[in-house]
Amino acid sequence: MFHKGQQKTGGRKKGTKNKTTQEIRDAIQLVLSDKVDQLAEDLAKMDKFKQWTILNAVAKYVLPTLNKNDDTVEHTGEININISFEDIDHKNDADE
């Protein structure tokens, strides 16, 4: 029986890969590798939006995901932001 403060014993060691997950990935890769040509043909028949939707959905299983980058910059001086608007119609009239 487990008691508070008792260390966990047994189970997988830290960093050990899950064998079942790896076997499933290998099986899926084997099936897909035989179907690459057919998948490419099927995608070519679809409109661009569907193609990118499907590619985006499967990319996360093939490509590593990027980590979120949260940068903070501290600035102690004065910050000036200048926004100007230009009347494009007026400028075009002056150019003619």
Protein backbone atom coordinates (compact mmCIF):
# COMPACT_ATOMS: atom_id res chain seq x y z
CA MET A 1 0.00 0.00 0.00
CA PHE A 2 1.22 3.50 -0.79
CA HIS A 3 1.88 5.84 2.12
CA LYS A 4 2.56 9.57 2.01
CA GLY A 5 6.26 10.29 1.58
CA GLN A 6 6.97 6.85 0.15
CA GLN A 7 8.94 6.76 -3.11
CA LYS A 8 7.39 5.29 -6.22
CA THR A 9 8.87 1.99 -7.28
CA GLY A 10 8.45 0.04 -10.50
CA GLY A 11 7.16 1.27 -13.82
CA ARG A 12 9.18 2.66 -16.68
CA LYS A 13 12.34 4.58 -16.03
CA LYS A 14 12.47 8.23 -17.00
CA GLY A 15 13.08 8.68 -20.73
CA THR A 16 11.98 5.16 -21.70
CA LYS A 17 9.88 5.25 -24.84
CA ASN A 18 6.41 3.70 -24.94
CA LYS A 19 6.79 0.54 -27.06
CA THR A 20 3.12 0.42 -28.08
CA THR A 21 3.16 4.02 -29.31
CA GLN A 22 6.30 3.33 -31.35
CA GLU A 23 4.77 0.18 -32.83
CA ILE A 24 1.65 2.11 -33.87
CA ARG A 25 3.74 4.86 -35.44
CA ASP A 26 5.80 2.31 -37.34
CA ALA A 27 2.65 0.56 -38.61
CA ILE A 28 1.09 3.84 -39.76
CA GLN A 29 4.33 4.86 -41.46
CA LEU A 30 4.48 1.51 -43.28
CA VAL A 31 0.89 1.83 -44.53
CA LEU A 32 1.33 5.45 -45.58
CA SER A 33 4.64 4.84 -47.33
CA ASP A 34 2.83 2.45 -49.70
CA LYS A 35 0.10 5.04 -50.34
CA VAL A 36 2.17 8.19 -50.93
CA ASP A 37 1.52 8.26 -54.67
CA GLN A 38 -2.22 7.72 -54.21
CA LEU A 39 -2.39 10.40 -51.51
CA ALA A 40 -0.62 12.88 -53.80
CA GLU A 41 -3.07 12.13 -56.63
CA ASP A 42 -6.08 12.50 -54.32
CA LEU A 43 -4.79 15.80 -52.95
CA ALA A 44 -4.20 17.12 -56.47
CA LYS A 45 -7.89 16.56 -57.28
CA MET A 46 -9.03 18.69 -54.31
CA ASP A 47 -9.38 22.45 -54.17
CA LYS A 48 -6.51 24.38 -52.56
CA PHE A 49 -8.35 25.04 -49.30
CA LYS A 50 -9.02 21.33 -48.71
CA GLN A 51 -5.43 20.48 -49.64
CA TRP A 52 -3.99 22.89 -47.08
CA THR A 53 -6.52 21.86 -44.43
CA ILE A 54 -5.49 18.22 -44.77
CA LEU A 55 -1.77 19.00 -44.95
CA ASN A 56 -2.04 21.21 -41.88
CA ALA A 57 -3.89 18.47 -39.98
CA VAL A 58 -1.28 15.79 -40.69
CA ALA A 59 1.80 18.02 -40.44
CA LYS A 60 1.73 17.91 -36.63
CA TYR A 61 2.32 14.17 -36.81
CA VAL A 62 5.31 14.54 -39.12
CA LEU A 63 6.98 17.84 -38.25
CA PRO A 64 8.09 18.84 -34.76
CA THR A 65 6.00 21.62 -33.27
CA LEU A 66 7.66 24.92 -32.53
CA ASN A 67 7.79 26.12 -28.96
CA LYS A 68 5.94 29.26 -28.07
CA ASN A 69 8.40 32.11 -27.67
CA ASP A 70 7.48 34.76 -25.14
CA ASP A 71 9.94 37.66 -25.14
CA THR A 72 9.72 40.59 -22.79
CA VAL A 73 11.69 43.78 -23.36
CA GLU A 74 12.07 46.36 -20.66
CA HIS A 75 12.60 49.94 -21.77
CA THR A 76 13.20 52.74 -19.31
CA GLY A 77 13.35 55.68 -21.73
CA GLU A 78 10.63 57.64 -23.45
CA ILE A 79 8.73 55.94 -26.27
CA ASN A 80 7.33 58.01 -29.13
CA ILE A 81 4.91 56.55 -31.64
CA ASN A 82 4.05 58.67 -34.66
CA ILE A 83 1.13 57.64 -36.84
CA SER A 84 0.34 59.53 -39.99
CA PHE A 85 -2.37 59.00 -42.54
CA GLU A 86 -1.97 59.81 -46.17
CA ASP A 87 -4.92 60.46 -48.41
CA ILE A 88 -4.18 58.16 -51.32
CA ASP A 89 -6.91 59.65 -53.52
CA HIS A 90 -5.60 63.17 -52.89
CA LYS A 91 -2.02 62.09 -53.64
CA ASN A 92 -3.08 60.42 -56.90
CA ASP A 93 -4.87 63.63 -57.98
CA ALA A 94 -1.71 65.68 -57.32
CA ASP A 95 0.45 63.26 -59.33
CA GLU A 96 -1.70 63.56 -62.45
